[in-house]
Amino acid sequence: MVPSFGAQLFWMIAIGLILGYASYFVFIKYSIRLGLSISLGTLGAVLIGGIAYYFAFDLPLMYSILGAVTFLFIANAFLSQEG
C-alpha cells in the first residue's frame, strides 16, 4: 500500500525542518542563519522528494533527505558567514 501524497508531503516538510535545524547547530560557527537553514532544508526536501514522488521512484522520503542535505551543503559551502 502506497501512502498518500499528503502523508508523504508532511514527512518531507518534517525532514526538511529537522535537517535544517540540525545543520545550523552542526556548523554553528560557520553556518548560514537559522531561518535560511531551515527554509533551504525544507525547500530541498520538498522539491527533490516531490520530483521523486511524481516520477514514482522508490523511497521518495530517502530522496527528500538527499535533497535537503544537498541544498544545505551548497548553501553552507557558498553562503556561509565567517566568525
PDB file of N, CA and C in Angstrom:
ATOM      1  N   MET A   1       0.836  -1.178   0.000  1.00  0.00           N
ATOM      2  CA  MET A   1       0.000   0.000   0.000  1.00  0.00           C
ATOM      3  C   MET A   1       0.884   1.245   0.000  1.00  0.00           C
ATOM      4  N   VAL A   2       0.650   2.094  -0.967  1.00  0.00           N
ATOM      5  CA  VAL A   2       1.434   3.311  -1.104  1.00  0.00           C
ATOM      6  C   VAL A   2       0.777   4.423  -0.282  1.00  0.00           C
ATOM      7  N   PRO A   3       1.549   5.130   0.555  1.00  0.00           N
ATOM      8  CA  PRO A   3       0.965   6.234   1.327  1.00  0.00           C
ATOM      9  C   PRO A   3       0.499   7.367   0.411  1.00  0.00           C
ATOM     10  N   SER A   4      -0.455   8.124   0.880  1.00  0.00           N
ATOM     11  CA  SER A   4      -0.972   9.235   0.081  1.00  0.00           C
ATOM     12  C   SER A   4       0.071  10.338  -0.049  1.00  0.00           C
ATOM     13  N   PHE A   5      -0.159  11.224  -1.021  1.00  0.00           N
ATOM     14  CA  PHE A   5       0.794  12.314  -1.219  1.00  0.00           C
ATOM     15  C   PHE A   5       0.792  13.261  -0.031  1.00  0.00           C
ATOM     16  N   GLY A   6      -0.343  13.426   0.633  1.00  0.00           N
ATOM     17  CA  GLY A   6      -0.400  14.301   1.804  1.00  0.00           C
ATOM     18  C   GLY A   6       0.487  13.818   2.931  1.00  0.00           C
ATOM     19  N   ALA A   7       0.480  12.511   3.157  1.00  0.00           N
ATOM     20  CA  ALA A   7       1.346  11.945   4.197  1.00  0.00           C
ATOM     21  C   ALA A   7       2.816  12.073   3.802  1.00  0.00           C
ATOM     22  N   GLN A   8       3.104  11.822   2.541  1.00  0.00           N
ATOM     23  CA  GLN A   8       4.484  11.970   2.064  1.00  0.00           C
ATOM     24  C   GLN A   8       4.942  13.423   2.177  1.00  0.00           C
ATOM     25  N   LEU A   9       4.066  14.358   1.824  1.00  0.00           N
ATOM     26  CA  LEU A   9       4.412  15.778   1.904  1.00  0.00           C
ATOM     27  C   LEU A   9       4.664  16.202   3.343  1.00  0.00           C
ATOM     28  N   PHE A  10       3.855  15.719   4.271  1.00  0.00           N
ATOM     29  CA  PHE A  10       4.074  16.031   5.682  1.00  0.00           C
ATOM     30  C   PHE A  10       5.462  15.590   6.118  1.00  0.00           C
ATOM     31  N   TRP A  11       5.836  14.356   5.771  1.00  0.00           N
ATOM     32  CA  TRP A  11       7.137  13.844   6.193  1.00  0.00           C
ATOM     33  C   TRP A  11       8.282  14.533   5.464  1.00  0.00           C
ATOM     34  N   MET A  12       8.068  14.957   4.225  1.00  0.00           N
ATOM     35  CA  MET A  12       9.107  15.723   3.525  1.00  0.00           C
ATOM     36  C   MET A  12       9.360  17.046   4.222  1.00  0.00           C
ATOM     37  N   ILE A  13       8.296  17.729   4.614  1.00  0.00           N
ATOM     38  CA  ILE A  13       8.441  19.002   5.335  1.00  0.00           C
ATOM     39  C   ILE A  13       9.099  18.770   6.683  1.00  0.00           C
ATOM     40  N   ALA A  14       8.695  17.722   7.395  1.00  0.00           N
ATOM     41  CA  ALA A  14       9.284  17.422   8.698  1.00  0.00           C
ATOM     42  C   ALA A  14      10.766  17.103   8.568  1.00  0.00           C
ATOM     43  N   ILE A  15      11.137  16.331   7.562  1.00  0.00           N
ATOM     44  CA  ILE A  15      12.547  16.009   7.332  1.00  0.00           C
ATOM     45  C   ILE A  15      13.343  17.272   7.039  1.00  0.00           C
ATOM     46  N   GLY A  16      12.801  18.140   6.196  1.00  0.00           N
ATOM     47  CA  GLY A  16      13.497  19.387   5.869  1.00  0.00           C
ATOM     48  C   GLY A  16      13.682  20.287   7.078  1.00  0.00           C
ATOM     49  N   LEU A  17      12.653  20.391   7.909  1.00  0.00           N
ATOM     50  CA  LEU A  17      12.757  21.218   9.116  1.00  0.00           C
ATOM     51  C   LEU A  17      13.799  20.662  10.085  1.00  0.00           C
ATOM     52  N   ILE A  18      13.777  19.365  10.291  1.00  0.00           N
ATOM     53  CA  ILE A  18      14.713  18.749  11.233  1.00  0.00           C
ATOM     54  C   ILE A  18      16.150  18.858  10.729  1.00  0.00           C
ATOM     55  N   LEU A  19      16.373  18.564   9.462  1.00  0.00           N
ATOM     56  CA  LEU A  19      17.729  18.637   8.935  1.00  0.00           C
ATOM     57  C   LEU A  19      18.240  20.074   8.855  1.00  0.00           C
ATOM     58  N   GLY A  20      17.368  21.015   8.534  1.00  0.00           N
ATOM     59  CA  GLY A  20      17.771  22.419   8.522  1.00  0.00           C
ATOM     60  C   GLY A  20      18.149  22.914   9.901  1.00  0.00           C
ATOM     61  N   TYR A  21      17.373  22.528  10.895  1.00  0.00           N
ATOM     62  CA  TYR A  21      17.657  22.918  12.282  1.00  0.00           C
ATOM     63  C   TYR A  21      18.946  22.259  12.767  1.00  0.00           C
ATOM     64  N   ALA A  22      19.126  20.988  12.441  1.00  0.00           N
ATOM     65  CA  ALA A  22      20.326  20.266  12.884  1.00  0.00           C
ATOM     66  C   ALA A  22      21.582  20.801  12.207  1.00  0.00           C
ATOM     67  N   SER A  23      21.496  21.153  10.937  1.00  0.00           N
ATOM     68  CA  SER A  23      22.688  21.633  10.238  1.00  0.00           C
ATOM     69  C   SER A  23      23.159  22.972  10.777  1.00  0.00           C
ATOM     70  N   TYR A  24      22.235  23.768  11.283  1.00  0.00           N
ATOM     71  CA  TYR A  24      22.637  25.043  11.882  1.00  0.00           C
ATOM     72  C   TYR A  24      23.527  24.797  13.098  1.00  0.00           C
ATOM     73  N   PHE A  25      23.205  23.801  13.896  1.00  0.00           N
ATOM     74  CA  PHE A  25      23.978  23.550  15.103  1.00  0.00           C
ATOM     75  C   PHE A  25      25.216  22.703  14.846  1.00  0.00           C
ATOM     76  N   VAL A  26      25.247  21.964  13.760  1.00  0.00           N
ATOM     77  CA  VAL A  26      26.456  21.226  13.407  1.00  0.00           C
ATOM     78  C   VAL A  26      27.542  22.195  12.944  1.00  0.00           C
ATOM     79  N   PHE A  27      27.157  23.166  12.130  1.00  0.00           N
ATOM     80  CA  PHE A  27      28.105  24.155  11.598  1.00  0.00           C
ATOM     81  C   PHE A  27      27.894  25.501  12.267  1.00  0.00           C
ATOM     82  N   ILE A  28      27.756  25.534  13.577  1.00  0.00           N
ATOM     83  CA  ILE A  28      27.300  26.728  14.279  1.00  0.00           C
ATOM     84  C   ILE A  28      28.196  27.949  14.056  1.00  0.00           C
ATOM     85  N   LYS A  29      29.486  27.754  13.969  1.00  0.00           N
ATOM     86  CA  LYS A  29      30.374  28.915  13.833  1.00  0.00           C
ATOM     87  C   LYS A  29      30.411  29.436  12.401  1.00  0.00           C
ATOM     88  N   TYR A  30      30.304  28.544  11.429  1.00  0.00           N
ATOM     89  CA  TYR A  30      30.434  28.939  10.027  1.00  0.00           C
ATOM     90  C   TYR A  30      29.165  28.702   9.236  1.00  0.00           C
ATOM     91  N   SER A  31      28.030  28.687   9.891  1.00  0.00           N
ATOM     92  CA  SER A  31      26.781  28.332   9.233  1.00  0.00           C
ATOM     93  C   SER A  31      26.047  29.570   8.708  1.00  0.00           C
ATOM     94  N   ILE A  32      25.089  29.323   7.829  1.00  0.00           N
ATOM     95  CA  ILE A  32      24.168  30.375   7.420  1.00  0.00           C
ATOM     96  C   ILE A  32      23.177  30.605   8.564  1.00  0.00           C
ATOM     97  N   ARG A  33      22.369  31.653   8.458  1.00  0.00           N
ATOM     98  CA  ARG A  33      21.410  31.965   9.527  1.00  0.00           C
ATOM     99  C   ARG A  33      20.406  30.841   9.722  1.00  0.00           C
ATOM    100  N   LEU A  34      19.823  30.786  10.911  1.00  0.00           N
ATOM    101  CA  LEU A  34      18.919  29.698  11.278  1.00  0.00           C
ATOM    102  C   LEU A  34      17.692  29.658  10.367  1.00  0.00           C
ATOM    103  N   GLY A  35      17.064  30.785  10.133  1.00  0.00           N
ATOM    104  CA  GLY A  35      15.866  30.814   9.283  1.00  0.00           C
ATOM    105  C   GLY A  35      16.150  30.366   7.864  1.00  0.00           C
ATOM    106  N   LEU A  36      17.272  30.796   7.330  1.00  0.00           N
ATOM    107  CA  LEU A  36      17.646  30.397   5.976  1.00  0.00           C
ATOM    108  C   LEU A  36      17.997  28.912   5.921  1.00  0.00           C
ATOM    109  N   SER A  37      18.636  28.410   6.952  1.00  0.00           N
ATOM    110  CA  SER A  37      18.981  26.994   7.018  1.00  0.00           C
ATOM    111  C   SER A  37      17.722  26.119   7.050  1.00  0.00           C
ATOM    112  N   ILE A  38      16.760  26.501   7.862  1.00  0.00           N
ATOM    113  CA  ILE A  38      15.506  25.738   7.939  1.00  0.00           C
ATOM    114  C   ILE A  38      14.740  25.843   6.623  1.00  0.00           C
ATOM    115  N   SER A  39      14.704  27.031   6.034  1.00  0.00           N
ATOM    116  CA  SER A  39      13.983  27.217   4.771  1.00  0.00           C
ATOM    117  C   SER A  39      14.600  26.417   3.635  1.00  0.00           C
ATOM    118  N   LEU A  40      15.921  26.440   3.528  1.00  0.00           N
ATOM    119  CA  LEU A  40      16.573  25.699   2.455  1.00  0.00           C
ATOM    120  C   LEU A  40      16.471  24.193   2.650  1.00  0.00           C
ATOM    121  N   GLY A  41      16.524  23.745   3.896  1.00  0.00           N
ATOM    122  CA  GLY A  41      16.337  22.316   4.150  1.00  0.00           C
ATOM    123  C   GLY A  41      14.949  21.857   3.749  1.00  0.00           C
ATOM    124  N   THR A  42      13.945  22.654   4.071  1.00  0.00           N
ATOM    125  CA  THR A  42      12.571  22.310   3.715  1.00  0.00           C
ATOM    126  C   THR A  42      12.363  22.382   2.199  1.00  0.00           C
ATOM    127  N   LEU A  43      12.905  23.418   1.576  1.00  0.00           N
ATOM    128  CA  LEU A  43      12.782  23.559   0.125  1.00  0.00           C
ATOM    129  C   LEU A  43      13.429  22.384  -0.597  1.00  0.00           C
ATOM    130  N   GLY A  44      14.628  22.012  -0.195  1.00  0.00           N
ATOM    131  CA  GLY A  44      15.313  20.895  -0.831  1.00  0.00           C
ATOM    132  C   GLY A  44      14.579  19.586  -0.650  1.00  0.00           C
ATOM    133  N   ALA A  45      14.066  19.359   0.556  1.00  0.00           N
ATOM    134  CA  ALA A  45      13.361  18.110   0.826  1.00  0.00           C
ATOM    135  C   ALA A  45      12.074  18.017   0.020  1.00  0.00           C
ATOM    136  N   VAL A  46      11.298  19.077  -0.012  1.00  0.00           N
ATOM    137  CA  VAL A  46      10.020  19.051  -0.724  1.00  0.00           C
ATOM    138  C   VAL A  46      10.233  19.016  -2.240  1.00  0.00           C
ATOM    139  N   LEU A  47      11.182  19.771  -2.732  1.00  0.00           N
ATOM    140  CA  LEU A  47      11.421  19.827  -4.171  1.00  0.00           C
ATOM    141  C   LEU A  47      11.919  18.486  -4.712  1.00  0.00           C
ATOM    142  N   ILE A  48      12.975  17.963  -4.148  1.00  0.00           N
ATOM    143  CA  ILE A  48      13.542  16.708  -4.646  1.00  0.00           C
ATOM    144  C   ILE A  48      12.633  15.526  -4.304  1.00  0.00           C
ATOM    145  N   GLY A  49      12.048  15.515  -3.119  1.00  0.00           N
ATOM    146  CA  GLY A  49      11.114  14.450  -2.764  1.00  0.00           C
ATOM    147  C   GLY A  49       9.859  14.472  -3.615  1.00  0.00           C
ATOM    148  N   GLY A  50       9.365  15.672  -3.935  1.00  0.00           N
ATOM    149  CA  GLY A  50       8.200  15.791  -4.818  1.00  0.00           C
ATOM    150  C   GLY A  50       8.489  15.305  -6.226  1.00  0.00           C
ATOM    151  N   ILE A  51       9.680  15.597  -6.721  1.00  0.00           N
ATOM    152  CA  ILE A  51      10.072  15.097  -8.043  1.00  0.00           C
ATOM    153  C   ILE A  51      10.165  13.580  -8.023  1.00  0.00           C
ATOM    154  N   ALA A  52      10.740  13.035  -6.962  1.00  0.00           N
ATOM    155  CA  ALA A  52      10.840  11.572  -6.851  1.00  0.00           C
ATOM    156  C   ALA A  52       9.457  10.941  -6.747  1.00  0.00           C
ATOM    157  N   TYR A  53       8.535  11.576  -6.035  1.00  0.00           N
ATOM    158  CA  TYR A  53       7.171  11.043  -5.928  1.00  0.00           C
ATOM    159  C   TYR A  53       6.451  11.137  -7.274  1.00  0.00           C
ATOM    160  N   TYR A  54       6.645  12.242  -7.990  1.00  0.00           N
ATOM    161  CA  TYR A  54       5.977  12.442  -9.269  1.00  0.00           C
ATOM    162  C   TYR A  54       6.400  11.390 -10.287  1.00  0.00           C
ATOM    163  N   PHE A  55       7.685  11.075 -10.314  1.00  0.00           N
ATOM    164  CA  PHE A  55       8.188  10.089 -11.265  1.00  0.00           C
ATOM    165  C   PHE A  55       8.115   8.657 -10.723  1.00  0.00           C
ATOM    166  N   ALA A  56       7.465   8.475  -9.583  1.00  0.00           N
ATOM    167  CA  ALA A  56       7.207   7.165  -8.970  1.00  0.00           C
ATOM    168  C   ALA A  56       8.477   6.384  -8.678  1.00  0.00           C
ATOM    169  N   PHE A  57       9.504   7.084  -8.206  1.00  0.00           N
ATOM    170  CA  PHE A  57      10.715   6.390  -7.758  1.00  0.00           C
ATOM    171  C   PHE A  57      10.417   5.700  -6.438  1.00  0.00           C
ATOM    172  N   ASP A  58      11.184   4.666  -6.153  1.00  0.00           N
ATOM    173  CA  ASP A  58      11.061   4.011  -4.858  1.00  0.00           C
ATOM    174  C   ASP A  58      11.640   4.912  -3.774  1.00  0.00           C
ATOM    175  N   LEU A  59      11.051   4.883  -2.603  1.00  0.00           N
ATOM    176  CA  LEU A  59      11.523   5.615  -1.417  1.00  0.00           C
ATOM    177  C   LEU A  59      11.694   7.125  -1.646  1.00  0.00           C
ATOM    178  N   PRO A  60      10.619   7.856  -1.925  1.00  0.00           N
ATOM    179  CA  PRO A  60      10.756   9.301  -2.138  1.00  0.00           C
ATOM    180  C   PRO A  60      11.225  10.051  -0.892  1.00  0.00           C
ATOM    181  N   LEU A  61      10.997   9.502   0.304  1.00  0.00           N
ATOM    182  CA  LEU A  61      11.477  10.186   1.503  1.00  0.00           C
ATOM    183  C   LEU A  61      12.994  10.117   1.610  1.00  0.00           C
ATOM    184  N   MET A  62      13.593   9.072   1.075  1.00  0.00           N
ATOM    185  CA  MET A  62      15.045   8.994   1.045  1.00  0.00           C
ATOM    186  C   MET A  62      15.610  10.056   0.099  1.00  0.00           C
ATOM    187  N   TYR A  63      14.935  10.265  -1.010  1.00  0.00           N
ATOM    188  CA  TYR A  63      15.354  11.313  -1.929  1.00  0.00           C
ATOM    189  C   TYR A  63      15.167  12.694  -1.301  1.00  0.00           C
ATOM    190  N   SER A  64      14.153  12.865  -0.468  1.00  0.00           N
ATOM    191  CA  SER A  64      13.964  14.150   0.185  1.00  0.00           C
ATOM    192  C   SER A  64      15.077  14.416   1.199  1.00  0.00           C
ATOM    193  N   ILE A  65      15.577  13.377   1.858  1.00  0.00           N
ATOM    194  CA  ILE A  65      16.729  13.551   2.751  1.00  0.00           C
ATOM    195  C   ILE A  65      17.946  13.979   1.939  1.00  0.00           C
ATOM    196  N   LEU A  66      18.177  13.308   0.819  1.00  0.00           N
ATOM    197  CA  LEU A  66      19.309  13.677  -0.030  1.00  0.00           C
ATOM    198  C   LEU A  66      19.162  15.100  -0.575  1.00  0.00           C
ATOM    199  N   GLY A  67      17.947  15.486  -0.936  1.00  0.00           N
ATOM    200  CA  GLY A  67      17.716  16.841  -1.432  1.00  0.00           C
ATOM    201  C   GLY A  67      17.983  17.897  -0.374  1.00  0.00           C
ATOM    202  N   ALA A  68      17.526  17.652   0.842  1.00  0.00           N
ATOM    203  CA  ALA A  68      17.747  18.607   1.921  1.00  0.00           C
ATOM    204  C   ALA A  68      19.227  18.728   2.246  1.00  0.00           C
ATOM    205  N   VAL A  69      19.922  17.602   2.327  1.00  0.00           N
ATOM    206  CA  VAL A  69      21.354  17.632   2.626  1.00  0.00           C
ATOM    207  C   VAL A  69      22.126  18.331   1.509  1.00  0.00           C
ATOM    208  N   THR A  70      21.739  18.090   0.271  1.00  0.00           N
ATOM    209  CA  THR A  70      22.414  18.732  -0.859  1.00  0.00           C
ATOM    210  C   THR A  70      22.220  20.245  -0.839  1.00  0.00           C
ATOM    211  N   PHE A  71      20.997  20.700  -0.646  1.00  0.00           N
ATOM    212  CA  PHE A  71      20.739  22.138  -0.602  1.00  0.00           C
ATOM    213  C   PHE A  71      21.492  22.789   0.559  1.00  0.00           C
ATOM    214  N   LEU A  72      21.506  22.128   1.707  1.00  0.00           N
ATOM    215  CA  LEU A  72      22.189  22.691   2.873  1.00  0.00           C
ATOM    216  C   LEU A  72      23.697  22.698   2.682  1.00  0.00           C
ATOM    217  N   PHE A  73      24.244  21.677   2.052  1.00  0.00           N
ATOM    218  CA  PHE A  73      25.683  21.659   1.787  1.00  0.00           C
ATOM    219  C   PHE A  73      26.076  22.792   0.852  1.00  0.00           C
ATOM    220  N   ILE A  74      25.321  22.958  -0.227  1.00  0.00           N
ATOM    221  CA  ILE A  74      25.638  24.030  -1.179  1.00  0.00           C
ATOM    222  C   ILE A  74      25.524  25.389  -0.512  1.00  0.00           C
ATOM    223  N   ALA A  75      24.489  25.583   0.277  1.00  0.00           N
ATOM    224  CA  ALA A  75      24.311  26.872   0.953  1.00  0.00           C
ATOM    225  C   ALA A  75      25.411  27.127   1.975  1.00  0.00           C
ATOM    226  N   ASN A  76      25.777  26.121   2.756  1.00  0.00           N
ATOM    227  CA  ASN A  76      26.823  26.309   3.754  1.00  0.00           C
ATOM    228  C   ASN A  76      28.200  26.456   3.115  1.00  0.00           C
ATOM    229  N   ALA A  77      28.403  25.872   1.949  1.00  0.00           N
ATOM    230  CA  ALA A  77      29.691  25.989   1.286  1.00  0.00           C
ATOM    231  C   ALA A  77      29.875  27.363   0.636  1.00  0.00           C
ATOM    232  N   PHE A  78      28.812  27.925   0.083  1.00  0.00           N
ATOM    233  CA  PHE A  78      28.958  29.149  -0.683  1.00  0.00           C
ATOM    234  C   PHE A  78      28.376  30.396  -0.024  1.00  0.00           C
ATOM    235  N   LEU A  79      27.507  30.238   0.970  1.00  0.00           N
ATOM    236  CA  LEU A  79      26.886  31.402   1.608  1.00  0.00           C
ATOM    237  C   LEU A  79      27.236  31.536   3.082  1.00  0.00           C
ATOM    238  N   SER A  80      28.209  30.782   3.560  1.00  0.00           N
ATOM    239  CA  SER A  80      28.488  30.767   4.997  1.00  0.00           C
ATOM    240  C   SER A  80      29.062  32.096   5.470  1.00  0.00           C
ATOM    241  N   GLN A  81      28.817  32.364   6.752  1.00  0.00           N
ATOM    242  CA  GLN A  81      29.324  33.573   7.394  1.00  0.00           C
ATOM    243  C   GLN A  81      30.551  33.208   8.212  1.00  0.00           C
ATOM    244  N   GLU A  82      31.614  33.954   8.038  1.00  0.00           N
ATOM    245  CA  GLU A  82      32.833  33.704   8.809  1.00  0.00           C
ATOM    246  C   GLU A  82      32.680  34.347  10.173  1.00  0.00           C
ATOM    247  N   GLY A  83      33.052  33.579  11.212  1.00  0.00           N
ATOM    248  CA  GLY A  83      33.071  34.129  12.573  1.00  0.00           C
ATOM    249  C   GLY A  83      31.763  34.251  13.129  1.00  0.00           C
TER     250      GLY A  83
END
